Amino acid sequence: MQLGRIQPVPLSPDGVVGIFGWQGRAATAIDLRRCLHLPPANEPWKRFVLMVEYEGDAYGLIADAMGDVVTLPGEPTPHFPASLGEAWQGLGAECYALPRETLVMLDMEKLLG
């Protein structure tokens, strides 16, 4: 989805970019890079928005890219890898070891609650 004009919200938490109109309602724009303490995107115009609804409110999660749909390999790993940053561990719900990468599922309650 293309993100339209975002209206900044003064004194909003880190990660909240502002609000924007979506399907006739106000949605909160959240930059996942900011939430995960990553540097700004090199090409911000190539980013995309994933719309989610949480507890009746609309959120636009701003991300860099979307990967393939994958089948998760059974159970998650028992622990987050030590190399995974503190922000990832703090916002992660589960972690899966895939053949070529590690997949961290974000905990929506921790991210949006």
PDB file of N, CA and C in Angstrom:
ATOM      1  N   MET A   1       0.831  -1.168   0.000  1.00  0.00           N
ATOM      2  CA  MET A   1       0.000   0.000   0.000  1.00  0.00           C
ATOM      3  C   MET A   1       0.881   1.238   0.000  1.00  0.00           C
ATOM      4  N   GLN A   2       0.516   2.226  -0.768  1.00  0.00           N
ATOM      5  CA  GLN A   2       1.206   3.516  -0.756  1.00  0.00           C
ATOM      6  C   GLN A   2       0.723   4.322   0.441  1.00  0.00           C
ATOM      7  N   LEU A   3       1.646   4.929   1.120  1.00  0.00           N
ATOM      8  CA  LEU A   3       1.307   5.731   2.284  1.00  0.00           C
ATOM      9  C   LEU A   3       1.108   7.169   1.855  1.00  0.00           C
ATOM     10  N   GLY A   4      -0.030   7.739   2.202  1.00  0.00           N
ATOM     11  CA  GLY A   4      -0.318   9.130   1.858  1.00  0.00           C
ATOM     12  C   GLY A   4       0.345  10.084   2.831  1.00  0.00           C
ATOM     13  N   ARG A   5      -0.214  11.246   2.936  1.00  0.00           N
ATOM     14  CA  ARG A   5       0.337  12.280   3.819  1.00  0.00           C
ATOM     15  C   ARG A   5       0.181  11.860   5.279  1.00  0.00           C
ATOM     16  N   ILE A   6       1.279  11.949   6.020  1.00  0.00           N
ATOM     17  CA  ILE A   6       1.280  11.621   7.445  1.00  0.00           C
ATOM     18  C   ILE A   6       1.315  12.921   8.238  1.00  0.00           C
ATOM     19  N   GLN A   7       0.410  13.040   9.184  1.00  0.00           N
ATOM     20  CA  GLN A   7       0.368  14.201  10.068  1.00  0.00           C
ATOM     21  C   GLN A   7       1.133  13.851  11.343  1.00  0.00           C
ATOM     22  N   PRO A   8       2.252  14.534  11.610  1.00  0.00           N
ATOM     23  CA  PRO A   8       2.995  14.236  12.844  1.00  0.00           C
ATOM     24  C   PRO A   8       2.147  14.480  14.084  1.00  0.00           C
ATOM     25  N   VAL A   9       2.430  13.733  15.140  1.00  0.00           N
ATOM     26  CA  VAL A   9       1.739  13.875  16.409  1.00  0.00           C
ATOM     27  C   VAL A   9       2.782  14.266  17.453  1.00  0.00           C
ATOM     28  N   PRO A  10       2.690  15.498  17.983  1.00  0.00           N
ATOM     29  CA  PRO A  10       3.666  15.923  18.991  1.00  0.00           C
ATOM     30  C   PRO A  10       3.679  15.006  20.213  1.00  0.00           C
ATOM     31  N   LEU A  11       4.869  14.798  20.756  1.00  0.00           N
ATOM     32  CA  LEU A  11       5.084  14.015  21.976  1.00  0.00           C
ATOM     33  C   LEU A  11       4.660  12.557  21.851  1.00  0.00           C
ATOM     34  N   SER A  12       4.618  12.038  20.626  1.00  0.00           N
ATOM     35  CA  SER A  12       4.248  10.632  20.439  1.00  0.00           C
ATOM     36  C   SER A  12       5.439   9.736  20.790  1.00  0.00           C
ATOM     37  N   PRO A  13       5.176   8.477  21.130  1.00  0.00           N
ATOM     38  CA  PRO A  13       6.263   7.560  21.476  1.00  0.00           C
ATOM     39  C   PRO A  13       7.213   7.345  20.299  1.00  0.00           C
ATOM     40  N   ASP A  14       8.444   6.940  20.620  1.00  0.00           N
ATOM     41  CA  ASP A  14       9.421   6.642  19.581  1.00  0.00           C
ATOM     42  C   ASP A  14       8.867   5.530  18.689  1.00  0.00           C
ATOM     43  N   GLY A  15       9.006   5.681  17.417  1.00  0.00           N
ATOM     44  CA  GLY A  15       8.468   4.711  16.475  1.00  0.00           C
ATOM     45  C   GLY A  15       7.194   5.189  15.813  1.00  0.00           C
ATOM     46  N   VAL A  16       6.424   6.015  16.499  1.00  0.00           N
ATOM     47  CA  VAL A  16       5.187   6.550  15.919  1.00  0.00           C
ATOM     48  C   VAL A  16       5.553   7.744  15.045  1.00  0.00           C
ATOM     49  N   VAL A  17       5.285   7.619  13.750  1.00  0.00           N
ATOM     50  CA  VAL A  17       5.593   8.672  12.789  1.00  0.00           C
ATOM     51  C   VAL A  17       4.493   9.726  12.789  1.00  0.00           C
ATOM     52  N   GLY A  18       3.256   9.288  12.966  1.00  0.00           N
ATOM     53  CA  GLY A  18       2.122  10.205  12.968  1.00  0.00           C
ATOM     54  C   GLY A  18       0.845   9.452  12.639  1.00  0.00           C
ATOM     55  N   ILE A  19      -0.155  10.189  12.142  1.00  0.00           N
ATOM     56  CA  ILE A  19      -1.425   9.574  11.755  1.00  0.00           C
ATOM     57  C   ILE A  19      -1.716   9.892  10.292  1.00  0.00           C
ATOM     58  N   PHE A  20      -2.514   9.043   9.663  1.00  0.00           N
ATOM     59  CA  PHE A  20      -2.902   9.234   8.271  1.00  0.00           C
ATOM     60  C   PHE A  20      -4.294   8.653   8.066  1.00  0.00           C
ATOM     61  N   GLY A  21      -4.933   9.061   6.987  1.00  0.00           N
ATOM     62  CA  GLY A  21      -6.263   8.564   6.668  1.00  0.00           C
ATOM     63  C   GLY A  21      -6.194   7.227   5.955  1.00  0.00           C
ATOM     64  N   TRP A  22      -7.030   6.293   6.393  1.00  0.00           N
ATOM     65  CA  TRP A  22      -7.105   4.977   5.759  1.00  0.00           C
ATOM     66  C   TRP A  22      -8.544   4.494   5.834  1.00  0.00           C
ATOM     67  N   GLN A  23      -9.148   4.289   4.675  1.00  0.00           N
ATOM     68  CA  GLN A  23     -10.527   3.809   4.560  1.00  0.00           C
ATOM     69  C   GLN A  23     -11.486   4.609   5.442  1.00  0.00           C
ATOM     70  N   GLY A  24     -11.339   5.926   5.412  1.00  0.00           N
ATOM     71  CA  GLY A  24     -12.240   6.801   6.135  1.00  0.00           C
ATOM     72  C   GLY A  24     -11.999   6.906   7.630  1.00  0.00           C
ATOM     73  N   ARG A  25     -10.898   6.373   8.100  1.00  0.00           N
ATOM     74  CA  ARG A  25     -10.586   6.465   9.528  1.00  0.00           C
ATOM     75  C   ARG A  25      -9.132   6.845   9.730  1.00  0.00           C
ATOM     76  N   ALA A  26      -8.806   7.257  10.921  1.00  0.00           N
ATOM     77  CA  ALA A  26      -7.428   7.627  11.243  1.00  0.00           C
ATOM     78  C   ALA A  26      -6.641   6.377  11.618  1.00  0.00           C
ATOM     79  N   ALA A  27      -5.437   6.269  11.067  1.00  0.00           N
ATOM     80  CA  ALA A  27      -4.551   5.155  11.380  1.00  0.00           C
ATOM     81  C   ALA A  27      -3.225   5.711  11.884  1.00  0.00           C
ATOM     82  N   THR A  28      -2.611   4.997  12.792  1.00  0.00           N
ATOM     83  CA  THR A  28      -1.315   5.382  13.343  1.00  0.00           C
ATOM     84  C   THR A  28      -0.214   4.766  12.502  1.00  0.00           C
ATOM     85  N   ALA A  29       0.726   5.597  12.048  1.00  0.00           N
ATOM     86  CA  ALA A  29       1.871   5.121  11.263  1.00  0.00           C
ATOM     87  C   ALA A  29       3.026   4.824  12.208  1.00  0.00           C
ATOM     88  N   ILE A  30       3.527   3.585  12.146  1.00  0.00           N
ATOM     89  CA  ILE A  30       4.623   3.156  13.007  1.00  0.00           C
ATOM     90  C   ILE A  30       5.787   2.703  12.138  1.00  0.00           C
ATOM     91  N   ASP A  31       6.945   3.304  12.355  1.00  0.00           N
ATOM     92  CA  ASP A  31       8.154   2.955  11.616  1.00  0.00           C
ATOM     93  C   ASP A  31       8.872   1.829  12.355  1.00  0.00           C
ATOM     94  N   LEU A  32       8.862   0.629  11.767  1.00  0.00           N
ATOM     95  CA  LEU A  32       9.486  -0.513  12.429  1.00  0.00           C
ATOM     96  C   LEU A  32      10.985  -0.326  12.606  1.00  0.00           C
ATOM     97  N   ARG A  33      11.634   0.409  11.702  1.00  0.00           N
ATOM     98  CA  ARG A  33      13.065   0.686  11.865  1.00  0.00           C
ATOM     99  C   ARG A  33      13.323   1.435  13.169  1.00  0.00           C
ATOM    100  N   ARG A  34      12.499   2.420  13.450  1.00  0.00           N
ATOM    101  CA  ARG A  34      12.660   3.184  14.692  1.00  0.00           C
ATOM    102  C   ARG A  34      12.416   2.296  15.911  1.00  0.00           C
ATOM    103  N   CYS A  35      11.374   1.468  15.845  1.00  0.00           N
ATOM    104  CA  CYS A  35      11.048   0.588  16.965  1.00  0.00           C
ATOM    105  C   CYS A  35      12.176  -0.393  17.259  1.00  0.00           C
ATOM    106  N   LEU A  36      12.884  -0.814  16.210  1.00  0.00           N
ATOM    107  CA  LEU A  36      13.957  -1.794  16.355  1.00  0.00           C
ATOM    108  C   LEU A  36      15.331  -1.138  16.455  1.00  0.00           C
ATOM    109  N   HIS A  37      15.360   0.187  16.612  1.00  0.00           N
ATOM    110  CA  HIS A  37      16.600   0.959  16.768  1.00  0.00           C
ATOM    111  C   HIS A  37      17.571   0.737  15.615  1.00  0.00           C
ATOM    112  N   LEU A  38      17.027   0.739  14.401  1.00  0.00           N
ATOM    113  CA  LEU A  38      17.834   0.613  13.191  1.00  0.00           C
ATOM    114  C   LEU A  38      18.025   1.997  12.571  1.00  0.00           C
ATOM    115  N   PRO A  39      19.084   2.195  11.785  1.00  0.00           N
ATOM    116  CA  PRO A  39      19.275   3.492  11.131  1.00  0.00           C
ATOM    117  C   PRO A  39      18.177   3.741  10.097  1.00  0.00           C
ATOM    118  N   PRO A  40      17.980   5.000   9.700  1.00  0.00           N
ATOM    119  CA  PRO A  40      16.957   5.302   8.687  1.00  0.00           C
ATOM    120  C   PRO A  40      17.211   4.529   7.395  1.00  0.00           C
ATOM    121  N   ALA A  41      16.148   4.277   6.654  1.00  0.00           N
ATOM    122  CA  ALA A  41      16.247   3.546   5.388  1.00  0.00           C
ATOM    123  C   ALA A  41      17.030   4.355   4.370  1.00  0.00           C
ATOM    124  N   ASN A  42      17.821   3.656   3.548  1.00  0.00           N
ATOM    125  CA  ASN A  42      18.585   4.309   2.486  1.00  0.00           C
ATOM    126  C   ASN A  42      17.679   4.862   1.398  1.00  0.00           C
ATOM    127  N   GLU A  43      16.611   4.144   1.102  1.00  0.00           N
ATOM    128  CA  GLU A  43      15.677   4.550   0.054  1.00  0.00           C
ATOM    129  C   GLU A  43      14.260   4.545   0.633  1.00  0.00           C
ATOM    130  N   PRO A  44      13.920   5.584   1.409  1.00  0.00           N
ATOM    131  CA  PRO A  44      12.618   5.576   2.094  1.00  0.00           C
ATOM    132  C   PRO A  44      11.425   5.511   1.160  1.00  0.00           C
ATOM    133  N   TRP A  45      11.579   5.955  -0.082  1.00  0.00           N
ATOM    134  CA  TRP A  45      10.460   5.924  -1.028  1.00  0.00           C
ATOM    135  C   TRP A  45      10.126   4.505  -1.474  1.00  0.00           C
ATOM    136  N   LYS A  46      11.004   3.532  -1.216  1.00  0.00           N
ATOM    137  CA  LYS A  46      10.742   2.145  -1.616  1.00  0.00           C
ATOM    138  C   LYS A  46      10.103   1.331  -0.501  1.00  0.00           C
ATOM    139  N   ARG A  47       9.855   1.937   0.639  1.00  0.00           N
ATOM    140  CA  ARG A  47       9.275   1.218   1.762  1.00  0.00           C
ATOM    141  C   ARG A  47       7.783   0.976   1.518  1.00  0.00           C
ATOM    142  N   PHE A  48       7.194   0.096   2.282  1.00  0.00           N
ATOM    143  CA  PHE A  48       5.772  -0.191   2.116  1.00  0.00           C
ATOM    144  C   PHE A  48       5.096  -0.226   3.479  1.00  0.00           C
ATOM    145  N   VAL A  49       3.776  -0.244   3.458  1.00  0.00           N
ATOM    146  CA  VAL A  49       2.982  -0.213   4.684  1.00  0.00           C
ATOM    147  C   VAL A  49       2.125  -1.467   4.754  1.00  0.00           C
ATOM    148  N   LEU A  50       2.187  -2.125   5.879  1.00  0.00           N
ATOM    149  CA  LEU A  50       1.344  -3.274   6.158  1.00  0.00           C
ATOM    150  C   LEU A  50       0.286  -2.816   7.151  1.00  0.00           C
ATOM    151  N   MET A  51      -0.960  -2.868   6.749  1.00  0.00           N
ATOM    152  CA  MET A  51      -2.052  -2.428   7.620  1.00  0.00           C
ATOM    153  C   MET A  51      -2.476  -3.564   8.539  1.00  0.00           C
ATOM    154  N   VAL A  52      -2.596  -3.235   9.821  1.00  0.00           N
ATOM    155  CA  VAL A  52      -3.076  -4.198  10.810  1.00  0.00           C
ATOM    156  C   VAL A  52      -4.113  -3.513  11.686  1.00  0.00           C
ATOM    157  N   GLU A  53      -4.984  -4.310  12.258  1.00  0.00           N
ATOM    158  CA  GLU A  53      -5.946  -3.794  13.217  1.00  0.00           C
ATOM    159  C   GLU A  53      -5.658  -4.469  14.546  1.00  0.00           C
ATOM    160  N   TYR A  54      -5.591  -3.660  15.585  1.00  0.00           N
ATOM    161  CA  TYR A  54      -5.303  -4.182  16.919  1.00  0.00           C
ATOM    162  C   TYR A  54      -6.224  -3.483  17.907  1.00  0.00           C
ATOM    163  N   GLU A  55      -7.012  -4.274  18.616  1.00  0.00           N
ATOM    164  CA  GLU A  55      -7.970  -3.768  19.597  1.00  0.00           C
ATOM    165  C   GLU A  55      -8.835  -2.645  19.036  1.00  0.00           C
ATOM    166  N   GLY A  56      -9.283  -2.828  17.791  1.00  0.00           N
ATOM    167  CA  GLY A  56     -10.205  -1.901  17.158  1.00  0.00           C
ATOM    168  C   GLY A  56      -9.575  -0.686  16.507  1.00  0.00           C
ATOM    169  N   ASP A  57      -8.270  -0.528  16.634  1.00  0.00           N
ATOM    170  CA  ASP A  57      -7.573   0.610  16.033  1.00  0.00           C
ATOM    171  C   ASP A  57      -6.757   0.149  14.831  1.00  0.00           C
ATOM    172  N   ALA A  58      -6.604   1.053  13.848  1.00  0.00           N
ATOM    173  CA  ALA A  58      -5.842   0.747  12.635  1.00  0.00           C
ATOM    174  C   ALA A  58      -4.416   1.274  12.764  1.00  0.00           C
ATOM    175  N   TYR A  59      -3.471   0.461  12.303  1.00  0.00           N
ATOM    176  CA  TYR A  59      -2.058   0.820  12.332  1.00  0.00           C
ATOM    177  C   TYR A  59      -1.442   0.515  10.971  1.00  0.00           C
ATOM    178  N   GLY A  60      -0.553   1.379  10.541  1.00  0.00           N
ATOM    179  CA  GLY A  60       0.237   1.142   9.343  1.00  0.00           C
ATOM    180  C   GLY A  60       1.669   0.892   9.761  1.00  0.00           C
ATOM    181  N   LEU A  61       2.138  -0.341   9.613  1.00  0.00           N
ATOM    182  CA  LEU A  61       3.506  -0.696   9.977  1.00  0.00           C
ATOM    183  C   LEU A  61       4.396  -0.454   8.765  1.00  0.00           C
ATOM    184  N   ILE A  62       5.312   0.484   8.883  1.00  0.00           N
ATOM    185  CA  ILE A  62       6.183   0.861   7.771  1.00  0.00           C
ATOM    186  C   ILE A  62       7.401  -0.051   7.798  1.00  0.00           C
ATOM    187  N   ALA A  63       7.615  -0.782   6.711  1.00  0.00           N
ATOM    188  CA  ALA A  63       8.710  -1.755   6.619  1.00  0.00           C
ATOM    189  C   ALA A  63       9.487  -1.546   5.324  1.00  0.00           C
ATOM    190  N   ASP A  64      10.644  -2.180   5.243  1.00  0.00           N
ATOM    191  CA  ASP A  64      11.508  -2.045   4.078  1.00  0.00           C
ATOM    192  C   ASP A  64      11.074  -2.936   2.922  1.00  0.00           C
ATOM    193  N   ALA A  65      10.694  -4.148   3.233  1.00  0.00           N
ATOM    194  CA  ALA A  65      10.389  -5.119   2.179  1.00  0.00           C
ATOM    195  C   ALA A  65       9.499  -6.206   2.755  1.00  0.00           C
ATOM    196  N   MET A  66       8.931  -6.973   1.856  1.00  0.00           N
ATOM    197  CA  MET A  66       8.146  -8.120   2.268  1.00  0.00           C
ATOM    198  C   MET A  66       8.753  -9.340   1.597  1.00  0.00           C
ATOM    199  N   GLY A  67       9.008 -10.363   2.388  1.00  0.00           N
ATOM    200  CA  GLY A  67       9.609 -11.576   1.863  1.00  0.00           C
ATOM    201  C   GLY A  67       8.574 -12.562   1.385  1.00  0.00           C
ATOM    202  N   ASP A  68       9.039 -13.757   1.120  1.00  0.00           N
ATOM    203  CA  ASP A  68       8.173 -14.827   0.667  1.00  0.00           C
ATOM    204  C   ASP A  68       7.315 -15.361   1.806  1.00  0.00           C
ATOM    205  N   VAL A  69       6.224 -15.985   1.447  1.00  0.00           N
ATOM    206  CA  VAL A  69       5.430 -16.715   2.418  1.00  0.00           C
ATOM    207  C   VAL A  69       6.172 -18.024   2.677  1.00  0.00           C
ATOM    208  N   VAL A  70       6.376 -18.344   3.952  1.00  0.00           N
ATOM    209  CA  VAL A  70       7.120 -19.554   4.292  1.00  0.00           C
ATOM    210  C   VAL A  70       6.300 -20.438   5.210  1.00  0.00           C
ATOM    211  N   THR A  71       6.611 -21.711   5.193  1.00  0.00           N
ATOM    212  CA  THR A  71       6.032 -22.659   6.128  1.00  0.00           C
ATOM    213  C   THR A  71       6.982 -22.751   7.305  1.00  0.00           C
ATOM    214  N   LEU A  72       6.452 -22.517   8.492  1.00  0.00           N
ATOM    215  CA  LEU A  72       7.302 -22.538   9.670  1.00  0.00           C
ATOM    216  C   LEU A  72       7.662 -23.968  10.038  1.00  0.00           C
ATOM    217  N   PRO A  73       8.918 -24.167  10.440  1.00  0.00           N
ATOM    218  CA  PRO A  73       9.391 -25.518  10.740  1.00  0.00           C
ATOM    219  C   PRO A  73       9.042 -25.968  12.154  1.00  0.00           C
ATOM    220  N   GLY A  74       7.819 -26.390  12.368  1.00  0.00           N
ATOM    221  CA  GLY A  74       7.428 -26.932  13.667  1.00  0.00           C
ATOM    222  C   GLY A  74       7.483 -25.922  14.789  1.00  0.00           C
ATOM    223  N   GLU A  75       8.233 -26.252  15.822  1.00  0.00           N
ATOM    224  CA  GLU A  75       8.304 -25.433  17.026  1.00  0.00           C
ATOM    225  C   GLU A  75       9.324 -24.306  16.882  1.00  0.00           C
ATOM    226  N   PRO A  76       9.075 -23.181  17.563  1.00  0.00           N
ATOM    227  CA  PRO A  76      10.080 -22.110  17.562  1.00  0.00           C
ATOM    228  C   PRO A  76      11.315 -22.533  18.349  1.00  0.00           C
ATOM    229  N   THR A  77      12.407 -21.808  18.140  1.00  0.00           N
ATOM    230  CA  THR A  77      13.618 -22.089  18.907  1.00  0.00           C
ATOM    231  C   THR A  77      13.343 -21.767  20.372  1.00  0.00           C
ATOM    232  N   PRO A  78      14.004 -22.475  21.302  1.00  0.00           N
ATOM    233  CA  PRO A  78      13.715 -22.236  22.719  1.00  0.00           C
ATOM    234  C   PRO A  78      14.184 -20.864  23.220  1.00  0.00           C
ATOM    235  N   HIS A  79      15.193 -20.276  22.558  1.00  0.00           N
ATOM    236  CA  HIS A  79      15.736 -18.987  22.978  1.00  0.00           C
ATOM    237  C   HIS A  79      15.995 -18.129  21.752  1.00  0.00           C
ATOM    238  N   PHE A  80      15.990 -16.816  21.965  1.00  0.00           N
ATOM    239  CA  PHE A  80      16.425 -15.920  20.900  1.00  0.00           C
ATOM    240  C   PHE A  80      17.941 -16.027  20.802  1.00  0.00           C
ATOM    241  N   PRO A  81      18.504 -16.000  19.583  1.00  0.00           N
ATOM    242  CA  PRO A  81      19.963 -16.050  19.459  1.00  0.00           C
ATOM    243  C   PRO A  81      20.616 -14.878  20.189  1.00  0.00           C
ATOM    244  N   ALA A  82      21.788 -15.120  20.780  1.00  0.00           N
ATOM    245  CA  ALA A  82      22.498 -14.071  21.510  1.00  0.00           C
ATOM    246  C   ALA A  82      22.861 -12.907  20.592  1.00  0.00           C
ATOM    247  N   SER A  83      23.028 -13.184  19.300  1.00  0.00           N
ATOM    248  CA  SER A  83      23.403 -12.141  18.341  1.00  0.00           C
ATOM    249  C   SER A  83      22.231 -11.217  17.984  1.00  0.00           C
ATOM    250  N   LEU A  84      21.023 -11.599  18.373  1.00  0.00           N
ATOM    251  CA  LEU A  84      19.845 -10.796  18.073  1.00  0.00           C
ATOM    252  C   LEU A  84      19.825  -9.588  19.005  1.00  0.00           C
ATOM    253  N   GLY A  85      19.656  -8.411  18.438  1.00  0.00           N
ATOM    254  CA  GLY A  85      19.677  -7.181  19.215  1.00  0.00           C
ATOM    255  C   GLY A  85      18.621  -7.137  20.301  1.00  0.00           C
ATOM    256  N   GLU A  86      18.867  -6.298  21.291  1.00  0.00           N
ATOM    257  CA  GLU A  86      17.962  -6.173  22.435  1.00  0.00           C
ATOM    258  C   GLU A  86      16.556  -5.740  22.012  1.00  0.00           C
ATOM    259  N   ALA A  87      16.474  -4.814  21.054  1.00  0.00           N
ATOM    260  CA  ALA A  87      15.164  -4.349  20.591  1.00  0.00           C
ATOM    261  C   ALA A  87      14.384  -5.489  19.944  1.00  0.00           C
ATOM    262  N   TRP A  88      15.063  -6.315  19.143  1.00  0.00           N
ATOM    263  CA  TRP A  88      14.403  -7.463  18.520  1.00  0.00           C
ATOM    264  C   TRP A  88      13.897  -8.429  19.586  1.00  0.00           C
ATOM    265  N   GLN A  89      14.741  -8.690  20.578  1.00  0.00           N
ATOM    266  CA  GLN A  89      14.341  -9.605  21.642  1.00  0.00           C
ATOM    267  C   GLN A  89      13.169  -9.031  22.435  1.00  0.00           C
ATOM    268  N   GLY A  90      13.173  -7.709  22.657  1.00  0.00           N
ATOM    269  CA  GLY A  90      12.105  -7.072  23.415  1.00  0.00           C
ATOM    270  C   GLY A  90      10.772  -7.065  22.702  1.00  0.00           C
ATOM    271  N   LEU A  91      10.796  -7.013  21.362  1.00  0.00           N
ATOM    272  CA  LEU A  91       9.543  -6.973  20.593  1.00  0.00           C
ATOM    273  C   LEU A  91       9.181  -8.317  19.967  1.00  0.00           C
ATOM    274  N   GLY A  92      10.049  -9.299  20.104  1.00  0.00           N
ATOM    275  CA  GLY A  92       9.815 -10.605  19.489  1.00  0.00           C
ATOM    276  C   GLY A  92       8.883 -11.479  20.306  1.00  0.00           C
ATOM    277  N   ALA A  93       8.073 -12.239  19.603  1.00  0.00           N
ATOM    278  CA  ALA A  93       7.192 -13.208  20.255  1.00  0.00           C
ATOM    279  C   ALA A  93       7.824 -14.594  20.182  1.00  0.00           C
ATOM    280  N   GLU A  94       8.274 -14.954  18.980  1.00  0.00           N
ATOM    281  CA  GLU A  94       8.889 -16.260  18.742  1.00  0.00           C
ATOM    282  C   GLU A  94       9.980 -16.103  17.703  1.00  0.00           C
ATOM    283  N   CYS A  95      10.859 -17.083  17.675  1.00  0.00           N
ATOM    284  CA  CYS A  95      11.972 -17.062  16.744  1.00  0.00           C
ATOM    285  C   CYS A  95      12.082 -18.447  16.091  1.00  0.00           C
ATOM    286  N   TYR A  96      12.275 -18.461  14.783  1.00  0.00           N
ATOM    287  CA  TYR A  96      12.381 -19.716  14.041  1.00  0.00           C
ATOM    288  C   TYR A  96      13.688 -19.738  13.256  1.00  0.00           C
ATOM    289  N   ALA A  97      14.364 -20.869  13.279  1.00  0.00           N
ATOM    290  CA  ALA A  97      15.586 -21.052  12.496  1.00  0.00           C
ATOM    291  C   ALA A  97      15.191 -21.622  11.141  1.00  0.00           C
ATOM    292  N   LEU A  98      15.319 -20.809  10.100  1.00  0.00           N
ATOM    293  CA  LEU A  98      15.048 -21.244   8.735  1.00  0.00           C
ATOM    294  C   LEU A  98      16.376 -21.643   8.091  1.00  0.00           C
ATOM    295  N   PRO A  99      16.341 -22.324   6.955  1.00  0.00           N
ATOM    296  CA  PRO A  99      17.590 -22.785   6.342  1.00  0.00           C
ATOM    297  C   PRO A  99      18.636 -21.683   6.105  1.00  0.00           C
ATOM    298  N   ARG A 100      18.225 -20.493   5.670  1.00  0.00           N
ATOM    299  CA  ARG A 100      19.201 -19.453   5.350  1.00  0.00           C
ATOM    300  C   ARG A 100      19.093 -18.211   6.212  1.00  0.00           C
ATOM    301  N   GLU A 101      18.158 -18.212   7.163  1.00  0.00           N
ATOM    302  CA  GLU A 101      17.968 -17.005   7.969  1.00  0.00           C
ATOM    303  C   GLU A 101      17.190 -17.329   9.234  1.00  0.00           C
ATOM    304  N   THR A 102      17.121 -16.340  10.095  1.00  0.00           N
ATOM    305  CA  THR A 102      16.330 -16.443  11.316  1.00  0.00           C
ATOM    306  C   THR A 102      15.097 -15.578  11.142  1.00  0.00           C
ATOM    307  N   LEU A 103      13.949 -16.114  11.482  1.00  0.00           N
ATOM    308  CA  LEU A 103      12.691 -15.389  11.368  1.00  0.00           C
ATOM    309  C   LEU A 103      12.202 -15.044  12.769  1.00  0.00           C
ATOM    310  N   VAL A 104      12.007 -13.754  13.016  1.00  0.00           N
ATOM    311  CA  VAL A 104      11.483 -13.304  14.298  1.00  0.00           C
ATOM    312  C   VAL A 104      10.054 -12.825  14.078  1.00  0.00           C
ATOM    313  N   MET A 105       9.123 -13.417  14.798  1.00  0.00           N
ATOM    314  CA  MET A 105       7.735 -12.974  14.737  1.00  0.00           C
ATOM    315  C   MET A 105       7.558 -11.892  15.787  1.00  0.00           C
ATOM    316  N   LEU A 106       7.085 -10.719  15.362  1.00  0.00           N
ATOM    317  CA  LEU A 106       6.883  -9.630  16.293  1.00  0.00           C
ATOM    318  C   LEU A 106       5.639  -9.853  17.139  1.00  0.00           C
ATOM    319  N   ASP A 107       5.715  -9.425  18.376  1.00  0.00           N
ATOM    320  CA  ASP A 107       4.590  -9.519  19.310  1.00  0.00           C
ATOM    321  C   ASP A 107       3.778  -8.224  19.182  1.00  0.00           C
ATOM    322  N   MET A 108       2.596  -8.315  18.609  1.00  0.00           N
ATOM    323  CA  MET A 108       1.784  -7.126  18.363  1.00  0.00           C
ATOM    324  C   MET A 108       1.402  -6.419  19.667  1.00  0.00           C
ATOM    325  N   GLU A 109       1.186  -7.157  20.729  1.00  0.00           N
ATOM    326  CA  GLU A 109       0.843  -6.518  21.998  1.00  0.00           C
ATOM    327  C   GLU A 109       2.012  -5.678  22.517  1.00  0.00           C
ATOM    328  N   LYS A 110       3.232  -6.190  22.402  1.00  0.00           N
ATOM    329  CA  LYS A 110       4.408  -5.426  22.824  1.00  0.00           C
ATOM    330  C   LYS A 110       4.641  -4.220  21.895  1.00  0.00           C
ATOM    331  N   LEU A 111       4.401  -4.406  20.619  1.00  0.00           N
ATOM    332  CA  LEU A 111       4.640  -3.339  19.645  1.00  0.00           C
ATOM    333  C   LEU A 111       3.581  -2.245  19.731  1.00  0.00           C
ATOM    334  N   LEU A 112       2.325  -2.638  19.844  1.00  0.00           N
ATOM    335  CA  LEU A 112       1.224  -1.683  19.761  1.00  0.00           C
ATOM    336  C   LEU A 112       0.521  -1.407  21.085  1.00  0.00           C
ATOM    337  N   GLY A 113       0.705  -2.272  22.051  1.00  0.00           N
ATOM    338  CA  GLY A 113      -0.024  -2.141  23.317  1.00  0.00           C
ATOM    339  C   GLY A 113       0.468  -1.005  24.188  1.00  0.00           C
TER     340      GLY A 113
END
